[in-house]
PDB file of all heavy atoms in Angstrom:
ATOM      1  N   CYS A   1     108.632 120.843 100.684  1.00  0.00           N
ATOM      2  CA  CYS A   1     109.129 119.508 100.668  1.00  0.00           C
ATOM      3  C   CYS A   1     109.134 118.861 102.077  1.00  0.00           C
ATOM      4  O   CYS A   1     109.080 117.545 102.176  1.00  0.00           O
ATOM      5  CB  CYS A   1     110.561 119.530 100.106  1.00  0.00           C
ATOM      6  SG  CYS A   1     110.667 119.970  98.397  1.00  0.00           S
ATOM      7  N   ASN A   2     109.121 119.656 103.130  1.00  0.00           N
ATOM      8  CA  ASN A   2     109.137 118.964 104.499  1.00  0.00           C
ATOM      9  C   ASN A   2     107.762 118.818 105.166  1.00  0.00           C
ATOM     10  O   ASN A   2     107.637 118.441 106.299  1.00  0.00           O
ATOM     11  CB  ASN A   2     110.158 119.667 105.383  1.00  0.00           C
ATOM     12  CG  ASN A   2     111.576 119.282 105.165  1.00  0.00           C
ATOM     13  OD1 ASN A   2     111.916 118.088 105.417  1.00  0.00           O
ATOM     14  ND2 ASN A   2     112.389 120.163 104.597  1.00  0.00           N
ATOM     15  N   HIS A   3     106.766 119.198 104.385  1.00  0.00           N
ATOM     16  CA  HIS A   3     105.447 118.883 104.873  1.00  0.00           C
ATOM     17  C   HIS A   3     105.213 117.356 104.763  1.00  0.00           C
ATOM     18  O   HIS A   3     105.671 116.715 103.757  1.00  0.00           O
ATOM     19  CB  HIS A   3     104.401 119.579 104.015  1.00  0.00           C
ATOM     20  CG  HIS A   3     102.986 119.542 104.500  1.00  0.00           C
ATOM     21  ND1 HIS A   3     102.259 118.358 104.466  1.00  0.00           N
ATOM     22  CD2 HIS A   3     102.191 120.390 105.132  1.00  0.00           C
ATOM     23  CE1 HIS A   3     101.044 118.530 104.992  1.00  0.00           C
ATOM     24  NE2 HIS A   3     100.958 119.750 105.374  1.00  0.00           N
ATOM     25  N   PRO A   4     104.626 116.663 105.687  1.00  0.00           N
ATOM     26  CA  PRO A   4     104.544 115.335 105.723  1.00  0.00           C
ATOM     27  C   PRO A   4     103.808 114.715 104.431  1.00  0.00           C
ATOM     28  O   PRO A   4     104.260 113.621 103.933  1.00  0.00           O
ATOM     29  CB  PRO A   4     103.584 114.980 106.907  1.00  0.00           C
ATOM     30  CG  PRO A   4     103.847 116.132 107.826  1.00  0.00           C
ATOM     31  CD  PRO A   4     104.032 117.281 106.946  1.00  0.00           C
ATOM     32  N   ILE A   5     102.905 115.430 103.726  1.00  0.00           N
ATOM     33  CA  ILE A   5     102.388 115.023 102.566  1.00  0.00           C
ATOM     34  C   ILE A   5     103.395 114.951 101.351  1.00  0.00           C
ATOM     35  O   ILE A   5     103.461 114.069 100.590  1.00  0.00           O
ATOM     36  CB  ILE A   5     101.125 115.817 102.146  1.00  0.00           C
ATOM     37  CG1 ILE A   5     100.027 115.731 103.280  1.00  0.00           C
ATOM     38  CG2 ILE A   5     100.632 115.425 100.800  1.00  0.00           C
ATOM     39  CD1 ILE A   5      99.575 114.274 103.405  1.00  0.00           C
ATOM     40  N   LEU A   6     104.157 116.080 101.301  1.00  0.00           N
ATOM     41  CA  LEU A   6     105.217 116.175 100.337  1.00  0.00           C
ATOM     42  C   LEU A   6     106.265 115.165 100.615  1.00  0.00           C
ATOM     43  O   LEU A   6     106.824 114.544  99.611  1.00  0.00           O
ATOM     44  CB  LEU A   6     105.818 117.554 100.252  1.00  0.00           C
ATOM     45  CG  LEU A   6     105.231 118.476  99.235  1.00  0.00           C
ATOM     46  CD1 LEU A   6     105.544 118.096  97.771  1.00  0.00           C
ATOM     47  CD2 LEU A   6     103.743 118.660  99.331  1.00  0.00           C
ATOM     48  N   ARG A   7     106.599 114.948 101.819  1.00  0.00           N
ATOM     49  CA  ARG A   7     107.641 113.948 102.156  1.00  0.00           C
ATOM     50  C   ARG A   7     107.243 112.517 101.631  1.00  0.00           C
ATOM     51  O   ARG A   7     107.997 111.776 101.090  1.00  0.00           O
ATOM     52  CB  ARG A   7     107.930 113.862 103.639  1.00  0.00           C
ATOM     53  CG  ARG A   7     108.471 115.125 104.252  1.00  0.00           C
ATOM     54  CD  ARG A   7     109.188 114.896 105.522  1.00  0.00           C
ATOM     55  NE  ARG A   7     108.519 114.156 106.569  1.00  0.00           N
ATOM     56  CZ  ARG A   7     107.953 114.786 107.547  1.00  0.00           C
ATOM     57  NH1 ARG A   7     108.027 116.064 107.678  1.00  0.00           N
ATOM     58  NH2 ARG A   7     107.369 114.140 108.529  1.00  0.00           N
ATOM     59  N   THR A   8     105.918 112.189 101.851  1.00  0.00           N
ATOM     60  CA  THR A   8     105.415 110.892 101.362  1.00  0.00           C
ATOM     61  C   THR A   8     105.492 110.878  99.795  1.00  0.00           C
ATOM     62  O   THR A   8     105.895 109.927  99.262  1.00  0.00           O
ATOM     63  CB  THR A   8     103.997 110.786 101.872  1.00  0.00           C
ATOM     64  OG1 THR A   8     103.991 110.612 103.321  1.00  0.00           O
ATOM     65  CG2 THR A   8     103.419 109.399 101.357  1.00  0.00           C
ATOM     66  N   LEU A   9     105.047 111.920  99.118  1.00  0.00           N
ATOM     67  CA  LEU A   9     105.133 111.952  97.718  1.00  0.00           C
ATOM     68  C   LEU A   9     106.509 111.751  97.182  1.00  0.00           C
ATOM     69  O   LEU A   9     106.668 110.969  96.179  1.00  0.00           O
ATOM     70  CB  LEU A   9     104.444 113.204  97.186  1.00  0.00           C
ATOM     71  CG  LEU A   9     104.348 113.419  95.711  1.00  0.00           C
ATOM     72  CD1 LEU A   9     103.102 114.197  95.274  1.00  0.00           C
ATOM     73  CD2 LEU A   9     105.518 114.078  95.075  1.00  0.00           C
ATOM     74  N   ILE A  10     107.454 112.470  97.779  1.00  0.00           N
ATOM     75  CA  ILE A  10     108.795 112.381  97.259  1.00  0.00           C
ATOM     76  C   ILE A  10     109.394 110.924  97.487  1.00  0.00           C
ATOM     77  O   ILE A  10     109.979 110.393  96.584  1.00  0.00           O
ATOM     78  CB  ILE A  10     109.671 113.445  98.036  1.00  0.00           C
ATOM     79  CG1 ILE A  10     109.327 114.876  97.523  1.00  0.00           C
ATOM     80  CG2 ILE A  10     111.197 113.146  97.812  1.00  0.00           C
ATOM     81  CD1 ILE A  10     109.946 115.973  98.273  1.00  0.00           C
ATOM     82  N   LEU A  11     109.063 110.468  98.621  1.00  0.00           N
ATOM     83  CA  LEU A  11     109.645 109.010  98.919  1.00  0.00           C
ATOM     84  C   LEU A  11     108.927 108.047  98.022  1.00  0.00           C
ATOM     85  O   LEU A  11     109.559 107.130  97.440  1.00  0.00           O
ATOM     86  CB  LEU A  11     109.432 108.601 100.356  1.00  0.00           C
ATOM     87  CG  LEU A  11     110.531 108.797 101.267  1.00  0.00           C
ATOM     88  CD1 LEU A  11     111.725 107.781 100.916  1.00  0.00           C
ATOM     89  CD2 LEU A  11     111.153 110.255 101.322  1.00  0.00           C
ATOM     90  N   ASP A  12     107.568 108.203  97.719  1.00  0.00           N
ATOM     91  CA  ASP A  12     106.954 107.298  96.865  1.00  0.00           C
ATOM     92  C   ASP A  12     107.453 107.465  95.488  1.00  0.00           C
ATOM     93  O   ASP A  12     107.621 106.445  94.758  1.00  0.00           O
ATOM     94  CB  ASP A  12     105.365 107.682  96.853  1.00  0.00           C
ATOM     95  CG  ASP A  12     104.658 107.303  98.079  1.00  0.00           C
ATOM     96  OD1 ASP A  12     105.228 106.522  98.863  1.00  0.00           O
ATOM     97  OD2 ASP A  12     103.505 107.717  98.273  1.00  0.00           O
ATOM     98  N   CYS A  13     107.755 108.610  95.085  1.00  0.00           N
ATOM     99  CA  CYS A  13     108.265 108.806  93.688  1.00  0.00           C
ATOM    100  C   CYS A  13     109.686 108.121  93.540  1.00  0.00           C
ATOM    101  O   CYS A  13     109.898 107.514  92.593  1.00  0.00           O
ATOM    102  CB  CYS A  13     108.340 110.373  93.486  1.00  0.00           C
ATOM    103  SG  CYS A  13     109.117 110.772  91.899  1.00  0.00           S
ATOM    104  N   LEU A  14     110.580 108.448  94.496  1.00  0.00           N
ATOM    105  CA  LEU A  14     111.851 107.885  94.402  1.00  0.00           C
ATOM    106  C   LEU A  14     111.843 106.319  94.480  1.00  0.00           C
ATOM    107  O   LEU A  14     112.516 105.594  93.614  1.00  0.00           O
ATOM    108  CB  LEU A  14     112.790 108.434  95.442  1.00  0.00           C
ATOM    109  CG  LEU A  14     113.036 109.913  95.490  1.00  0.00           C
ATOM    110  CD1 LEU A  14     113.810 110.249  96.691  1.00  0.00           C
ATOM    111  CD2 LEU A  14     113.815 110.348  94.298  1.00  0.00           C
ATOM    112  N   GLN A  15     111.007 105.766  95.307  1.00  0.00           N
ATOM    113  CA  GLN A  15     110.860 104.291  95.332  1.00  0.00           C
ATOM    114  C   GLN A  15     110.348 103.750  94.024  1.00  0.00           C
ATOM    115  O   GLN A  15     110.766 102.720  93.596  1.00  0.00           O
ATOM    116  CB  GLN A  15     109.995 103.939  96.509  1.00  0.00           C
ATOM    117  CG  GLN A  15     110.638 104.240  97.893  1.00  0.00           C
ATOM    118  CD  GLN A  15     109.684 103.943  99.063  1.00  0.00           C
ATOM    119  OE1 GLN A  15     108.496 103.793  98.800  1.00  0.00           O
ATOM    120  NE2 GLN A  15     110.132 103.882 100.283  1.00  0.00           N
ATOM    121  N   TYR A  16     109.380 104.497  93.394  1.00  0.00           N
ATOM    122  CA  TYR A  16     108.844 104.055  92.139  1.00  0.00           C
ATOM    123  C   TYR A  16     109.922 103.982  91.133  1.00  0.00           C
ATOM    124  O   TYR A  16     110.067 102.944  90.364  1.00  0.00           O
ATOM    125  CB  TYR A  16     107.678 104.946  91.671  1.00  0.00           C
ATOM    126  CG  TYR A  16     107.170 104.724  90.279  1.00  0.00           C
ATOM    127  CD1 TYR A  16     106.395 103.636  90.071  1.00  0.00           C
ATOM    128  CD2 TYR A  16     107.591 105.496  89.262  1.00  0.00           C
ATOM    129  CE1 TYR A  16     105.898 103.387  88.741  1.00  0.00           C
ATOM    130  CE2 TYR A  16     107.105 105.294  87.984  1.00  0.00           C
ATOM    131  CZ  TYR A  16     106.326 104.150  87.775  1.00  0.00           C
ATOM    132  OH  TYR A  16     105.861 103.964  86.498  1.00  0.00           O
ATOM    133  N   TRP A  17     110.768 105.011  90.980  1.00  0.00           N
ATOM    134  CA  TRP A  17     111.766 105.061  89.892  1.00  0.00           C
ATOM    135  C   TRP A  17     112.833 104.002  90.167  1.00  0.00           C
ATOM    136  O   TRP A  17     113.439 103.382  89.177  1.00  0.00           O
ATOM    137  CB  TRP A  17     112.381 106.424  89.740  1.00  0.00           C
ATOM    138  CG  TRP A  17     111.475 107.423  89.194  1.00  0.00           C
ATOM    139  CD1 TRP A  17     110.815 108.410  89.789  1.00  0.00           C
ATOM    140  CD2 TRP A  17     111.229 107.542  87.796  1.00  0.00           C
ATOM    141  NE1 TRP A  17     110.097 109.088  88.784  1.00  0.00           N
ATOM    142  CE2 TRP A  17     110.426 108.599  87.596  1.00  0.00           C
ATOM    143  CE3 TRP A  17     111.695 106.874  86.665  1.00  0.00           C
ATOM    144  CZ2 TRP A  17     110.033 108.999  86.307  1.00  0.00           C
ATOM    145  CZ3 TRP A  17     111.390 107.287  85.371  1.00  0.00           C
ATOM    146  CH2 TRP A  17     110.461 108.363  85.137  1.00  0.00           C
ATOM    147  N   VAL A  18     113.035 103.569  91.459  1.00  0.00           N
ATOM    148  CA  VAL A  18     113.977 102.555  91.696  1.00  0.00           C
ATOM    149  C   VAL A  18     113.415 101.144  91.521  1.00  0.00           C
ATOM    150  O   VAL A  18     113.935 100.229  90.858  1.00  0.00           O
ATOM    151  CB  VAL A  18     114.499 102.620  93.140  1.00  0.00           C
ATOM    152  CG1 VAL A  18     115.319 101.413  93.567  1.00  0.00           C
ATOM    153  CG2 VAL A  18     115.459 103.964  93.208  1.00  0.00           C
ATOM    154  N   MET A  19     112.162 100.945  92.086  1.00  0.00           N
ATOM    155  CA  MET A  19     111.546  99.575  92.065  1.00  0.00           C
ATOM    156  C   MET A  19     110.969  99.231  90.652  1.00  0.00           C
ATOM    157  O   MET A  19     111.239  98.122  90.234  1.00  0.00           O
ATOM    158  CB  MET A  19     110.526  99.463  93.173  1.00  0.00           C
ATOM    159  CG  MET A  19     111.025  99.521  94.581  1.00  0.00           C
ATOM    160  SD  MET A  19     109.805  99.071  95.810  1.00  0.00           S
ATOM    161  CE  MET A  19     108.652 100.487  95.585  1.00  0.00           C
ATOM    162  N   GLU A  20     110.384 100.190  90.093  1.00  0.00           N
ATOM    163  CA  GLU A  20     109.625  99.851  88.790  1.00  0.00           C
ATOM    164  C   GLU A  20     110.401 100.239  87.545  1.00  0.00           C
ATOM    165  O   GLU A  20     110.183  99.636  86.478  1.00  0.00           O
ATOM    166  CB  GLU A  20     108.240 100.540  88.805  1.00  0.00           C
ATOM    167  CG  GLU A  20     107.392 100.107  89.931  1.00  0.00           C
ATOM    168  CD  GLU A  20     106.956  98.724  89.767  1.00  0.00           C
ATOM    169  OE1 GLU A  20     107.002  98.086  88.684  1.00  0.00           O
ATOM    170  OE2 GLU A  20     106.516  98.041  90.862  1.00  0.00           O
ATOM    171  N   MET A  21     111.295 101.278  87.716  1.00  0.00           N
ATOM    172  CA  MET A  21     111.967 101.767  86.510  1.00  0.00           C
ATOM    173  C   MET A  21     113.456 101.383  86.620  1.00  0.00           C
ATOM    174  O   MET A  21     114.306 101.629  85.640  1.00  0.00           O
ATOM    175  CB  MET A  21     111.800 103.219  86.405  1.00  0.00           C
ATOM    176  CG  MET A  21     110.302 103.759  86.448  1.00  0.00           C
ATOM    177  SD  MET A  21     109.432 103.146  85.120  1.00  0.00           S
ATOM    178  CE  MET A  21     109.412 104.543  83.996  1.00  0.00           C
ATOM    179  N   HIS A  22     114.048 100.881  87.701  1.00  0.00           N
ATOM    180  CA  HIS A  22     115.305 100.302  87.916  1.00  0.00           C
ATOM    181  C   HIS A  22     116.453 101.342  87.787  1.00  0.00           C
ATOM    182  O   HIS A  22     117.540 101.033  87.382  1.00  0.00           O
ATOM    183  CB  HIS A  22     115.568  99.126  86.937  1.00  0.00           C
ATOM    184  CG  HIS A  22     114.890  97.871  87.327  1.00  0.00           C
ATOM    185  ND1 HIS A  22     115.277  96.647  86.919  1.00  0.00           N
ATOM    186  CD2 HIS A  22     113.710  97.685  87.992  1.00  0.00           C
ATOM    187  CE1 HIS A  22     114.483  95.669  87.398  1.00  0.00           C
ATOM    188  NE2 HIS A  22     113.484  96.339  88.106  1.00  0.00           N
ATOM    189  N   VAL A  23     116.196 102.613  88.116  1.00  0.00           N
ATOM    190  CA  VAL A  23     117.222 103.580  87.988  1.00  0.00           C
ATOM    191  C   VAL A  23     118.211 103.403  89.185  1.00  0.00           C
ATOM    192  O   VAL A  23     117.898 102.868  90.222  1.00  0.00           O
ATOM    193  CB  VAL A  23     116.662 105.063  87.946  1.00  0.00           C
ATOM    194  CG1 VAL A  23     115.737 105.260  86.840  1.00  0.00           C
ATOM    195  CG2 VAL A  23     116.090 105.438  89.295  1.00  0.00           C
ATOM    196  N   ASP A  24     119.446 103.929  89.047  1.00  0.00           N
ATOM    197  CA  ASP A  24     120.515 103.693  89.955  1.00  0.00           C
ATOM    198  C   ASP A  24     120.761 104.845  90.865  1.00  0.00           C
ATOM    199  O   ASP A  24     121.527 104.708  91.851  1.00  0.00           O
ATOM    200  CB  ASP A  24     121.832 103.367  89.154  1.00  0.00           C
ATOM    201  CG  ASP A  24     121.620 102.094  88.306  1.00  0.00           C
ATOM    202  OD1 ASP A  24     121.888 101.023  88.801  1.00  0.00           O
ATOM    203  OD2 ASP A  24     121.358 102.262  87.125  1.00  0.00           O
ATOM    204  N   GLY A  25     120.233 105.986  90.564  1.00  0.00           N
ATOM    205  CA  GLY A  25     120.549 107.161  91.486  1.00  0.00           C
ATOM    206  C   GLY A  25     119.794 108.386  90.951  1.00  0.00           C
ATOM    207  O   GLY A  25     119.104 108.432  89.922  1.00  0.00           O
ATOM    208  N   PHE A  26     119.885 109.504  91.866  1.00  0.00           N
ATOM    209  CA  PHE A  26     119.221 110.708  91.608  1.00  0.00           C
ATOM    210  C   PHE A  26     120.223 111.883  91.910  1.00  0.00           C
ATOM    211  O   PHE A  26     121.014 111.822  92.891  1.00  0.00           O
ATOM    212  CB  PHE A  26     118.050 110.845  92.440  1.00  0.00           C
ATOM    213  CG  PHE A  26     116.914 109.814  92.257  1.00  0.00           C
ATOM    214  CD1 PHE A  26     116.982 108.725  93.163  1.00  0.00           C
ATOM    215  CD2 PHE A  26     116.071 109.806  91.219  1.00  0.00           C
ATOM    216  CE1 PHE A  26     116.067 107.668  93.008  1.00  0.00           C
ATOM    217  CE2 PHE A  26     115.157 108.751  91.096  1.00  0.00           C
ATOM    218  CZ  PHE A  26     115.215 107.609  91.978  1.00  0.00           C
ATOM    219  N   ARG A  27     120.141 112.884  91.012  1.00  0.00           N
ATOM    220  CA  ARG A  27     120.843 114.129  91.300  1.00  0.00           C
ATOM    221  C   ARG A  27     119.656 115.167  91.633  1.00  0.00           C
ATOM    222  O   ARG A  27     118.748 115.356  90.819  1.00  0.00           O
ATOM    223  CB  ARG A  27     121.686 114.541  90.076  1.00  0.00           C
ATOM    224  CG  ARG A  27     122.376 115.935  90.340  1.00  0.00           C
ATOM    225  CD  ARG A  27     121.602 117.099  89.708  1.00  0.00           C
ATOM    226  NE  ARG A  27     122.335 118.348  89.656  1.00  0.00           N
ATOM    227  CZ  ARG A  27     121.861 119.506  89.271  1.00  0.00           C
ATOM    228  NH1 ARG A  27     120.590 119.589  88.943  1.00  0.00           N
ATOM    229  NH2 ARG A  27     122.608 120.533  89.259  1.00  0.00           N
TER     230      ARG A  27
END
């Protein structure tokens, strides 16, 4: 998860679920 490529994928993913899917949080 702390490889730069994985960090980017994780952030892209979280941002997608917030911006495009309107979720309020993550566990």
